[in-house]
C-alpha atoms as a PDB file:
ATOM      1  CA  MET A   1     164.294 156.470 121.867  1.00  0.00           C
ATOM      2  CA  GLY A   2     167.328 158.638 121.014  1.00  0.00           C
ATOM      3  CA  ARG A   3     170.715 156.993 120.654  1.00  0.00           C
ATOM      4  CA  SER A   4     173.862 158.488 122.052  1.00  0.00           C
ATOM      5  CA  SER A   5     176.272 159.598 119.390  1.00  0.00           C
ATOM      6  CA  GLY A   6     180.021 160.040 119.294  1.00  0.00           C
ATOM      7  CA  THR A   7     183.006 158.293 117.909  1.00  0.00           C
ATOM      8  CA  GLY A   8     185.010 158.037 121.153  1.00  0.00           C
ATOM      9  CA  ALA A   9     185.281 154.676 122.889  1.00  0.00           C
ATOM     10  CA  LYS A  10     183.029 154.174 125.833  1.00  0.00           C
ATOM     11  CA  THR A  11     185.100 154.127 129.036  1.00  0.00           C
ATOM     12  CA  SER A  12     184.229 153.354 132.611  1.00  0.00           C
ATOM     13  CA  SER A  13     185.335 155.688 135.317  1.00  0.00           C
ATOM     14  CA  ALA A  14     188.354 154.427 137.227  1.00  0.00           C
ATOM     15  CA  PRO A  15     188.050 154.763 140.990  1.00  0.00           C
ATOM     16  CA  THR A  16     189.965 157.643 142.469  1.00  0.00           C
ATOM     17  CA  ALA A  17     192.656 156.927 145.028  1.00  0.00           C
ATOM     18  CA  PRO A  18     191.379 157.083 148.606  1.00  0.00           C
ATOM     19  CA  PRO A  19     192.631 160.040 150.643  1.00  0.00           C
ATOM     20  CA  LEU A  20     195.570 159.399 152.953  1.00  0.00           C
ATOM     21  CA  LEU A  21     194.124 158.268 156.263  1.00  0.00           C
ATOM     22  CA  PRO A  22     195.082 160.269 159.348  1.00  0.00           C
ATOM     23  CA  PHE A  23     197.422 158.871 161.919  1.00  0.00           C
ATOM     24  CA  GLN A  24     195.410 156.396 164.000  1.00  0.00           C
ATOM     25  CA  CYS A  25     195.943 155.114 167.482  1.00  0.00           C
ATOM     26  CA  GLU A  26     194.205 152.877 169.946  1.00  0.00           C
ATOM     27  CA  SER A  27     194.609 152.595 173.658  1.00  0.00           C
ATOM     28  CA  SER A  28     195.489 149.495 175.609  1.00  0.00           C
ATOM     29  CA  THR A  29     196.219 148.970 179.268  1.00  0.00           C
ATOM     30  CA  SER A  30     199.351 147.424 180.742  1.00  0.00           C
ATOM     31  CA  SER A  31     199.702 146.666 184.435  1.00  0.00           C
ATOM     32  CA  SER A  32     202.412 145.824 186.917  1.00  0.00           C
ATOM     33  CA  SER A  33     202.157 144.670 190.505  1.00  0.00           C
ATOM     34  CA  ALA A  34     201.954 148.251 191.764  1.00  0.00           C
ATOM     35  CA  THR A  35     200.171 150.248 189.109  1.00  0.00           C
ATOM     36  CA  SER A  36     198.006 150.024 186.015  1.00  0.00           C
ATOM     37  CA  GLN A  37     198.611 152.524 183.256  1.00  0.00           C
ATOM     38  CA  SER A  38     197.517 153.075 179.672  1.00  0.00           C
ATOM     39  CA  PHE A  39     199.613 153.277 176.573  1.00  0.00           C
ATOM     40  CA  THR A  40     199.014 153.998 172.912  1.00  0.00           C
ATOM     41  CA  GLN A  41     199.116 151.187 170.363  1.00  0.00           C
ATOM     42  CA  TRP A  42     200.262 152.975 167.228  1.00  0.00           C
ATOM     43  CA  ARG A  43     199.035 151.967 163.795  1.00  0.00           C
ATOM     44  CA  PHE A  44     200.226 153.560 160.599  1.00  0.00           C
ATOM     45  CA  SER A  45     198.209 153.826 157.411  1.00  0.00           C
ATOM     46  CA  PRO A  46     199.834 152.263 154.335  1.00  0.00           C
ATOM     47  CA  PRO A  47     201.343 154.863 151.982  1.00  0.00           C
ATOM     48  CA  THR A  48     199.155 155.982 149.104  1.00  0.00           C
ATOM     49  CA  PRO A  49     200.860 157.139 145.870  1.00  0.00           C
ATOM     50  CA  ASN A  50     200.374 160.759 144.879  1.00  0.00           C
ATOM     51  CA  THR A  51     197.990 160.997 141.926  1.00  0.00           C
ATOM     52  CA  THR A  52     196.537 163.627 139.657  1.00  0.00           C
ATOM     53  CA  THR A  53     193.119 163.394 138.069  1.00  0.00           C
ATOM     54  CA  ASN A  54     192.137 164.779 134.652  1.00  0.00           C
ATOM     55  CA  ASN A  55     188.421 165.005 133.987  1.00  0.00           C
ATOM     56  CA  ASN A  56     187.540 165.451 130.313  1.00  0.00           C
ATOM     57  CA  ASN A  57     183.790 165.108 129.760  1.00  0.00           C
ATOM     58  CA  ASN A  58     183.056 161.450 130.485  1.00  0.00           C
ATOM     59  CA  ASN A  59     186.701 160.344 130.618  1.00  0.00           C
ATOM     60  CA  LEU A  60     188.386 160.061 134.034  1.00  0.00           C
ATOM     61  CA  ILE A  61     192.099 159.354 133.824  1.00  0.00           C
ATOM     62  CA  GLN A  62     194.242 158.664 136.872  1.00  0.00           C
ATOM     63  CA  THR A  63     197.985 159.062 136.539  1.00  0.00           C
ATOM     64  CA  ASN A  64     200.810 158.506 138.991  1.00  0.00           C
ATOM     65  CA  THR A  65     203.087 161.527 139.181  1.00  0.00           C
ATOM     66  CA  ASN A  66     205.972 159.673 140.833  1.00  0.00           C
ATOM     67  CA  PRO A  67     208.046 156.835 139.427  1.00  0.00           C
ATOM     68  CA  PRO A  68     207.493 153.544 141.232  1.00  0.00           C
ATOM     69  CA  SER A  69     209.666 153.104 144.288  1.00  0.00           C
ATOM     70  CA  PRO A  70     211.739 149.980 144.693  1.00  0.00           C
ATOM     71  CA  PRO A  71     210.223 147.509 147.140  1.00  0.00           C
ATOM     72  CA  PRO A  72     211.598 147.799 150.688  1.00  0.00           C
ATOM     73  CA  PRO A  73     213.835 145.060 152.008  1.00  0.00           C
ATOM     74  CA  PRO A  74     211.834 142.230 153.571  1.00  0.00           C
ATOM     75  CA  GLN A  75     210.999 142.128 157.250  1.00  0.00           C
ATOM     76  CA  ILE A  76     212.911 139.782 159.517  1.00  0.00           C
ATOM     77  CA  HIS A  77     210.542 137.833 161.756  1.00  0.00           C
ATOM     78  CA  ASN A  78     213.191 135.853 163.625  1.00  0.00           C
ATOM     79  CA  LEU A  79     213.913 138.299 166.428  1.00  0.00           C
ATOM     80  CA  GLN A  80     217.281 136.885 167.387  1.00  0.00           C
ATOM     81  CA  GLU A  81     218.424 137.193 163.784  1.00  0.00           C
ATOM     82  CA  LEU A  82     216.918 140.692 163.585  1.00  0.00           C
ATOM     83  CA  PHE A  83     218.749 141.862 166.703  1.00  0.00           C
ATOM     84  CA  HIS A  84     222.027 140.325 165.533  1.00  0.00           C
ATOM     85  CA  ILE A  85     221.891 141.962 162.090  1.00  0.00           C
ATOM     86  CA  SER A  86     220.762 145.327 163.484  1.00  0.00           C
ATOM     87  CA  GLU A  87     223.460 145.383 166.150  1.00  0.00           C
ATOM     88  CA  PHE A  88     226.090 144.740 163.478  1.00  0.00           C
ATOM     89  CA  GLN A  89     224.650 147.372 161.117  1.00  0.00           C
ATOM     90  CA  LEU A  90     224.454 150.075 163.772  1.00  0.00           C
ATOM     91  CA  SER A  91     228.238 150.372 163.761  1.00  0.00           C
ATOM     92  CA  THR A  92     228.419 150.815 159.977  1.00  0.00           C
ATOM     93  CA  ASP A  93     225.017 152.051 158.768  1.00  0.00           C
ATOM     94  CA  PRO A  94     222.797 153.269 161.644  1.00  0.00           C
ATOM     95  CA  THR A  95     220.036 154.501 159.341  1.00  0.00           C
ATOM     96  CA  SER A  96     219.613 151.117 157.664  1.00  0.00           C
ATOM     97  CA  ALA A  97     219.685 149.356 161.026  1.00  0.00           C
ATOM     98  CA  LEU A  98     216.956 151.582 162.473  1.00  0.00           C
ATOM     99  CA  ASN A  99     214.825 151.239 159.343  1.00  0.00           C
ATOM    100  CA  LEU A 100     215.144 147.458 159.526  1.00  0.00           C
ATOM    101  CA  LEU A 101     214.077 147.438 163.177  1.00  0.00           C
ATOM    102  CA  GLU A 102     211.170 149.750 162.413  1.00  0.00           C
ATOM    103  CA  ARG A 103     209.861 147.597 159.541  1.00  0.00           C
ATOM    104  CA  SER A 104     210.172 144.405 161.551  1.00  0.00           C
ATOM    105  CA  LEU A 105     208.980 145.488 165.014  1.00  0.00           C
ATOM    106  CA  VAL A 106     206.575 148.407 164.676  1.00  0.00           C
ATOM    107  CA  PRO A 107     203.658 147.000 162.603  1.00  0.00           C
ATOM    108  CA  ASN A 108     202.891 144.135 165.005  1.00  0.00           C
ATOM    109  CA  PRO A 109     205.082 144.263 168.103  1.00  0.00           C
ATOM    110  CA  PRO A 110     205.305 140.741 169.551  1.00  0.00           C
ATOM    111  CA  GLN A 111     204.354 140.523 173.207  1.00  0.00           C
ATOM    112  CA  GLU A 112     206.549 137.491 173.825  1.00  0.00           C
ATOM    113  CA  GLN A 113     210.015 137.983 172.427  1.00  0.00           C
ATOM    114  CA  PRO A 114     213.640 137.368 173.335  1.00  0.00           C
ATOM    115  CA  PRO A 115     215.085 140.430 175.060  1.00  0.00           C
ATOM    116  CA  CYS A 116     216.860 143.071 173.047  1.00  0.00           C
ATOM    117  CA  PRO A 117     220.674 142.938 173.499  1.00  0.00           C
ATOM    118  CA  PRO A 118     221.860 145.691 175.893  1.00  0.00           C
ATOM    119  CA  ASN A 119     224.328 147.124 173.353  1.00  0.00           C
ATOM    120  CA  LEU A 120     221.566 147.444 170.776  1.00  0.00           C
ATOM    121  CA  MET A 121     219.269 149.113 173.316  1.00  0.00           C
ATOM    122  CA  ARG A 122     222.001 151.607 174.259  1.00  0.00           C
ATOM    123  CA  ALA A 123     222.619 152.440 170.601  1.00  0.00           C
ATOM    124  CA  LEU A 124     218.883 152.875 170.076  1.00  0.00           C
ATOM    125  CA  THR A 125     218.432 155.267 172.998  1.00  0.00           C
ATOM    126  CA  ALA A 126     221.446 157.280 171.827  1.00  0.00           C
ATOM    127  CA  ASN A 127     219.517 158.056 168.626  1.00  0.00           C
ATOM    128  CA  LEU A 128     216.206 159.126 170.175  1.00  0.00           C
ATOM    129  CA  ALA A 129     216.511 162.805 169.295  1.00  0.00           C
ATOM    130  CA  GLN A 130     218.310 162.389 165.964  1.00  0.00           C
ATOM    131  CA  ALA A 131     216.497 159.515 164.230  1.00  0.00           C
ATOM    132  CA  LYS A 132     212.717 159.506 163.766  1.00  0.00           C
ATOM    133  CA  PRO A 133     212.293 155.692 163.857  1.00  0.00           C
ATOM    134  CA  ALA A 134     214.055 155.408 167.226  1.00  0.00           C
ATOM    135  CA  THR A 135     211.017 156.378 169.318  1.00  0.00           C
ATOM    136  CA  LYS A 136     208.830 153.928 167.387  1.00  0.00           C
ATOM    137  CA  ILE A 137     211.275 151.106 168.022  1.00  0.00           C
ATOM    138  CA  LEU A 138     211.764 151.918 171.707  1.00  0.00           C
ATOM    139  CA  PHE A 139     208.025 151.993 172.301  1.00  0.00           C
ATOM    140  CA  ALA A 140     207.505 148.717 170.417  1.00  0.00           C
ATOM    141  CA  LEU A 141     210.246 147.051 172.454  1.00  0.00           C
ATOM    142  CA  CYS A 142     208.905 148.389 175.753  1.00  0.00           C
ATOM    143  CA  LEU A 143     205.604 146.611 175.195  1.00  0.00           C
ATOM    144  CA  SER A 144     207.550 143.544 176.362  1.00  0.00           C
ATOM    145  CA  ASP A 145     208.234 143.226 180.094  1.00  0.00           C
ATOM    146  CA  ALA A 146     211.685 141.778 179.454  1.00  0.00           C
ATOM    147  CA  ASN A 147     212.685 144.658 177.202  1.00  0.00           C
ATOM    148  CA  ARG A 148     211.490 147.260 179.703  1.00  0.00           C
ATOM    149  CA  ARG A 149     214.062 145.928 182.116  1.00  0.00           C
ATOM    150  CA  VAL A 150     216.760 145.949 179.436  1.00  0.00           C
ATOM    151  CA  ALA A 151     215.799 149.527 178.555  1.00  0.00           C
ATOM    152  CA  VAL A 152     215.958 150.701 182.172  1.00  0.00           C
ATOM    153  CA  GLU A 153     219.327 149.033 182.702  1.00  0.00           C
ATOM    154  CA  ALA A 154     220.601 150.614 179.468  1.00  0.00           C
ATOM    155  CA  GLY A 155     219.751 154.115 180.747  1.00  0.00           C
ATOM    156  CA  ALA A 156     216.696 154.653 178.559  1.00  0.00           C
ATOM    157  CA  VAL A 157     214.794 156.534 181.291  1.00  0.00           C
ATOM    158  CA  SER A 158     217.443 159.247 181.444  1.00  0.00           C
ATOM    159  CA  ALA A 159     217.782 159.193 177.655  1.00  0.00           C
ATOM    160  CA  VAL A 160     214.063 159.900 177.179  1.00  0.00           C
ATOM    161  CA  VAL A 161     214.058 162.693 179.766  1.00  0.00           C
ATOM    162  CA  GLU A 162     217.028 164.382 178.107  1.00  0.00           C
ATOM    163  CA  ALA A 163     215.821 163.891 174.522  1.00  0.00           C
ATOM    164  CA  ALA A 164     212.164 164.827 175.101  1.00  0.00           C
ATOM    165  CA  PRO A 165     212.552 168.637 174.790  1.00  0.00           C
ATOM    166  CA  ASP A 166     213.879 168.139 171.246  1.00  0.00           C
ATOM    167  CA  LEU A 167     210.909 165.975 170.212  1.00  0.00           C
ATOM    168  CA  ASP A 168     207.542 167.099 168.902  1.00  0.00           C
ATOM    169  CA  GLY A 169     204.299 165.491 167.803  1.00  0.00           C
ATOM    170  CA  ALA A 170     204.053 161.719 167.536  1.00  0.00           C
ATOM    171  CA  PRO A 171     207.761 161.048 168.342  1.00  0.00           C
ATOM    172  CA  ALA A 172     207.355 162.961 171.614  1.00  0.00           C
ATOM    173  CA  GLU A 173     204.205 161.015 172.509  1.00  0.00           C
ATOM    174  CA  ARG A 174     205.838 157.672 171.756  1.00  0.00           C
ATOM    175  CA  ALA A 175     208.899 158.535 173.839  1.00  0.00           C
ATOM    176  CA  LEU A 176     206.714 159.567 176.785  1.00  0.00           C
ATOM    177  CA  ALA A 177     204.615 156.412 176.427  1.00  0.00           C
ATOM    178  CA  ALA A 178     207.791 154.310 176.533  1.00  0.00           C
ATOM    179  CA  LEU A 179     208.910 156.258 179.609  1.00  0.00           C
ATOM    180  CA  GLU A 180     205.670 155.527 181.433  1.00  0.00           C
ATOM    181  CA  LEU A 181     205.977 151.849 180.505  1.00  0.00           C
ATOM    182  CA  MET A 182     209.512 151.728 181.910  1.00  0.00           C
ATOM    183  CA  CYS A 183     208.267 153.332 185.119  1.00  0.00           C
ATOM    184  CA  THR A 184     206.006 150.346 185.779  1.00  0.00           C
ATOM    185  CA  LEU A 185     209.250 148.750 186.984  1.00  0.00           C
ATOM    186  CA  PRO A 186     210.427 149.932 190.426  1.00  0.00           C
ATOM    187  CA  GLU A 187     213.920 150.511 189.024  1.00  0.00           C
ATOM    188  CA  GLY A 188     212.544 152.670 186.222  1.00  0.00           C
ATOM    189  CA  ALA A 189     210.418 154.722 188.600  1.00  0.00           C
ATOM    190  CA  GLU A 190     213.382 155.245 190.917  1.00  0.00           C
ATOM    191  CA  GLU A 191     215.592 156.369 188.037  1.00  0.00           C
ATOM    192  CA  LEU A 192     212.977 158.914 186.983  1.00  0.00           C
ATOM    193  CA  ARG A 193     212.642 160.296 190.525  1.00  0.00           C
ATOM    194  CA  ALA A 194     216.414 160.609 190.802  1.00  0.00           C
ATOM    195  CA  HIS A 195     216.802 162.589 187.573  1.00  0.00           C
ATOM    196  CA  ALA A 196     217.205 166.307 188.257  1.00  0.00           C
ATOM    197  CA  LEU A 197     215.489 167.276 184.989  1.00  0.00           C
ATOM    198  CA  ALA A 198     212.526 164.913 185.245  1.00  0.00           C
ATOM    199  CA  VAL A 199     210.033 167.397 186.711  1.00  0.00           C
ATOM    200  CA  PRO A 200     210.923 170.485 184.625  1.00  0.00           C
ATOM    201  CA  VAL A 201     211.017 168.419 181.427  1.00  0.00           C
ATOM    202  CA  MET A 202     207.659 166.776 182.116  1.00  0.00           C
ATOM    203  CA  VAL A 203     206.123 170.172 182.902  1.00  0.00           C
ATOM    204  CA  THR A 204     207.479 171.425 179.572  1.00  0.00           C
ATOM    205  CA  MET A 205     206.084 168.399 177.733  1.00  0.00           C
ATOM    206  CA  MET A 206     202.643 168.936 179.296  1.00  0.00           C
ATOM    207  CA  ALA A 207     202.621 172.407 177.775  1.00  0.00           C
ATOM    208  CA  LYS A 208     203.868 171.489 174.276  1.00  0.00           C
ATOM    209  CA  THR A 209     202.185 168.162 173.491  1.00  0.00           C
ATOM    210  CA  ALA A 210     198.669 167.201 172.465  1.00  0.00           C
ATOM    211  CA  ALA A 211     196.208 165.113 174.458  1.00  0.00           C
ATOM    212  CA  ARG A 212     198.149 161.849 174.583  1.00  0.00           C
ATOM    213  CA  GLY A 213     201.442 163.549 175.328  1.00  0.00           C
ATOM    214  CA  LYS A 214     199.864 165.397 178.243  1.00  0.00           C
ATOM    215  CA  GLU A 215     198.501 162.116 179.573  1.00  0.00           C
ATOM    216  CA  TYR A 216     201.923 160.448 179.575  1.00  0.00           C
ATOM    217  CA  ALA A 217     203.701 163.491 181.030  1.00  0.00           C
ATOM    218  CA  ILE A 218     201.134 163.657 183.835  1.00  0.00           C
ATOM    219  CA  GLY A 219     201.676 159.941 184.434  1.00  0.00           C
ATOM    220  CA  ALA A 220     205.422 160.509 184.749  1.00  0.00           C
ATOM    221  CA  LEU A 221     204.874 163.325 187.255  1.00  0.00           C
ATOM    222  CA  ALA A 222     202.595 161.022 189.235  1.00  0.00           C
ATOM    223  CA  VAL A 223     205.505 158.577 189.449  1.00  0.00           C
ATOM    224  CA  VAL A 224     207.772 161.317 190.817  1.00  0.00           C
ATOM    225  CA  TYR A 225     205.351 162.715 193.396  1.00  0.00           C
ATOM    226  CA  GLY A 226     203.310 159.620 194.176  1.00  0.00           C
ATOM    227  CA  ALA A 227     205.889 157.441 195.953  1.00  0.00           C
ATOM    228  CA  ALA A 228     204.098 156.715 199.211  1.00  0.00           C
ATOM    229  CA  GLY A 229     206.404 156.868 202.185  1.00  0.00           C
ATOM    230  CA  ALA A 230     209.468 157.708 200.116  1.00  0.00           C
ATOM    231  CA  GLU A 231     211.837 160.430 201.225  1.00  0.00           C
ATOM    232  CA  ASN A 232     211.782 162.577 198.108  1.00  0.00           C
ATOM    233  CA  HIS A 233     213.713 165.757 197.487  1.00  0.00           C
ATOM    234  CA  TYR A 234     211.646 167.393 194.791  1.00  0.00           C
ATOM    235  CA  THR A 235     213.267 169.614 192.191  1.00  0.00           C
ATOM    236  CA  ALA A 236     210.088 171.730 192.060  1.00  0.00           C
ATOM    237  CA  PRO A 237     207.668 172.559 194.887  1.00  0.00           C
ATOM    238  CA  PRO A 238     204.388 170.626 194.650  1.00  0.00           C
ATOM    239  CA  GLU A 239     202.328 173.818 194.513  1.00  0.00           C
ATOM    240  CA  GLU A 240     204.217 175.014 191.413  1.00  0.00           C
ATOM    241  CA  VAL A 241     203.715 171.691 189.661  1.00  0.00           C
ATOM    242  CA  ALA A 242     200.024 171.773 190.633  1.00  0.00           C
ATOM    243  CA  ARG A 243     199.606 175.107 188.845  1.00  0.00           C
ATOM    244  CA  ALA A 244     201.218 173.650 185.713  1.00  0.00           C
ATOM    245  CA  VAL A 245     198.946 170.595 185.844  1.00  0.00           C
ATOM    246  CA  GLU A 246     195.842 172.764 186.258  1.00  0.00           C
ATOM    247  CA  LEU A 247     196.887 174.820 183.229  1.00  0.00           C
ATOM    248  CA  ALA A 248     197.483 171.677 181.155  1.00  0.00           C
ATOM    249  CA  LEU A 249     194.053 170.284 182.048  1.00  0.00           C
ATOM    250  CA  GLN A 250     192.405 173.454 180.738  1.00  0.00           C
ATOM    251  CA  GLY A 251     193.567 172.577 177.221  1.00  0.00           C
ATOM    252  CA  GLU A 252     193.258 169.474 175.061  1.00  0.00           C
ATOM    253  CA  CYS A 253     193.619 166.321 177.141  1.00  0.00           C
ATOM    254  CA  SER A 254     192.373 162.748 176.950  1.00  0.00           C
ATOM    255  CA  ALA A 255     189.744 161.537 179.408  1.00  0.00           C
ATOM    256  CA  ARG A 256     192.314 159.228 180.997  1.00  0.00           C
ATOM    257  CA  GLY A 257     194.754 162.122 181.209  1.00  0.00           C
ATOM    258  CA  ARG A 258     192.163 164.212 183.047  1.00  0.00           C
ATOM    259  CA  ARG A 259     191.596 161.415 185.539  1.00  0.00           C
ATOM    260  CA  LYS A 260     195.331 161.072 186.089  1.00  0.00           C
ATOM    261  CA  GLY A 261     195.653 164.841 186.406  1.00  0.00           C
ATOM    262  CA  THR A 262     192.855 165.079 188.955  1.00  0.00           C
ATOM    263  CA  GLN A 263     194.466 162.377 191.083  1.00  0.00           C
ATOM    264  CA  LEU A 264     197.887 164.029 190.736  1.00  0.00           C
ATOM    265  CA  LEU A 265     196.448 167.358 191.893  1.00  0.00           C
ATOM    266  CA  LYS A 266     195.089 165.688 195.038  1.00  0.00           C
ATOM    267  CA  THR A 267     198.521 164.185 195.723  1.00  0.00           C
ATOM    268  CA  LEU A 268     200.267 167.528 195.169  1.00  0.00           C
ATOM    269  CA  GLN A 269     197.821 169.309 197.480  1.00  0.00           C
ATOM    270  CA  GLN A 270     198.459 166.731 200.203  1.00  0.00           C
ATOM    271  CA  LEU A 271     202.221 167.163 199.802  1.00  0.00           C
ATOM    272  CA  SER A 272     201.906 170.944 199.949  1.00  0.00           C
ATOM    273  CA  GLN A 273     199.817 170.734 203.108  1.00  0.00           C
ATOM    274  CA  ALA A 274     202.304 168.321 204.673  1.00  0.00           C
ATOM    275  CA  GLU A 275     205.158 170.717 203.892  1.00  0.00           C
ATOM    276  CA  ILE A 276     203.260 173.614 205.471  1.00  0.00           C
ATOM    277  CA  GLU A 277     202.556 171.605 208.615  1.00  0.00           C
ATOM    278  CA  ALA A 278     206.174 170.444 208.820  1.00  0.00           C
ATOM    279  CA  SER A 279     207.381 174.029 208.455  1.00  0.00           C
ATOM    280  CA  GLU A 280     205.023 175.232 211.190  1.00  0.00           C
ATOM    281  CA  THR A 281     206.142 172.422 213.498  1.00  0.00           C
ATOM    282  CA  HIS A 282     209.789 173.257 212.875  1.00  0.00           C
ATOM    283  CA  ALA A 283     209.158 176.938 213.569  1.00  0.00           C
ATOM    284  CA  HIS A 284     207.261 176.095 216.765  1.00  0.00           C
ATOM    285  CA  ASP A 285     210.062 173.832 217.990  1.00  0.00           C
ATOM    286  CA  GLY A 286     212.586 176.572 217.346  1.00  0.00           C
ATOM    287  CA  ASN A 287     210.805 179.008 219.656  1.00  0.00           C
END
């Protein structure tokens, strides 16, 4: 048998770095006494260092093109301590405070937790449009019933409505998911219905977001138009909103979003018919 020749040392091929995994999400369902809605549980892939690969005959060499980054500060698992430190830092170093909250709350949001201090929640909602981690933190907090109430009382419903047009992609979806969670509380739903921009903003978000964003925007519109027996003064006629929903359902949308949209269309059609009948009755009485 022939023997391989060569003076170079025999090397084994080092495994190449795995490609960066796409953004992943799962769905879970949260319910209140009046409604059951779905929300996205966000998971983030761990960062993978950028590498270059040189292939020279049988030699495979993997090199890191970036210098090693310093390790991030440790997470704080004691939530009361976390809230206290973050609330103090927000007045001096908002970026560090938000990063600390993100590292500690987002990976595994605890379902049972002490409520977030109102001042911290207000500072968080004030940064929704300016700071990327803010929507992650708000959503993680709103997975807790107690924090939903704190968020509603801190004005987070209005803050999301007003910040949403400036958000895109995953931050927009997280903000809308947090909004729908807050609307499982009667006070949150009422605040959304009372906001003059709620309907036009949600219609805009249906048009600009991907499947999950459409689902949450449709859910918010269902809150506005689905209050049985409530005396609502809509900022947009039901038939106009119905056309926007139909257009949104023609594009990319989750299966749950399509079910919500179909139910919302039925509600809007009923409201439109009721308005027509009321108008005809009023005209008849005037003659």
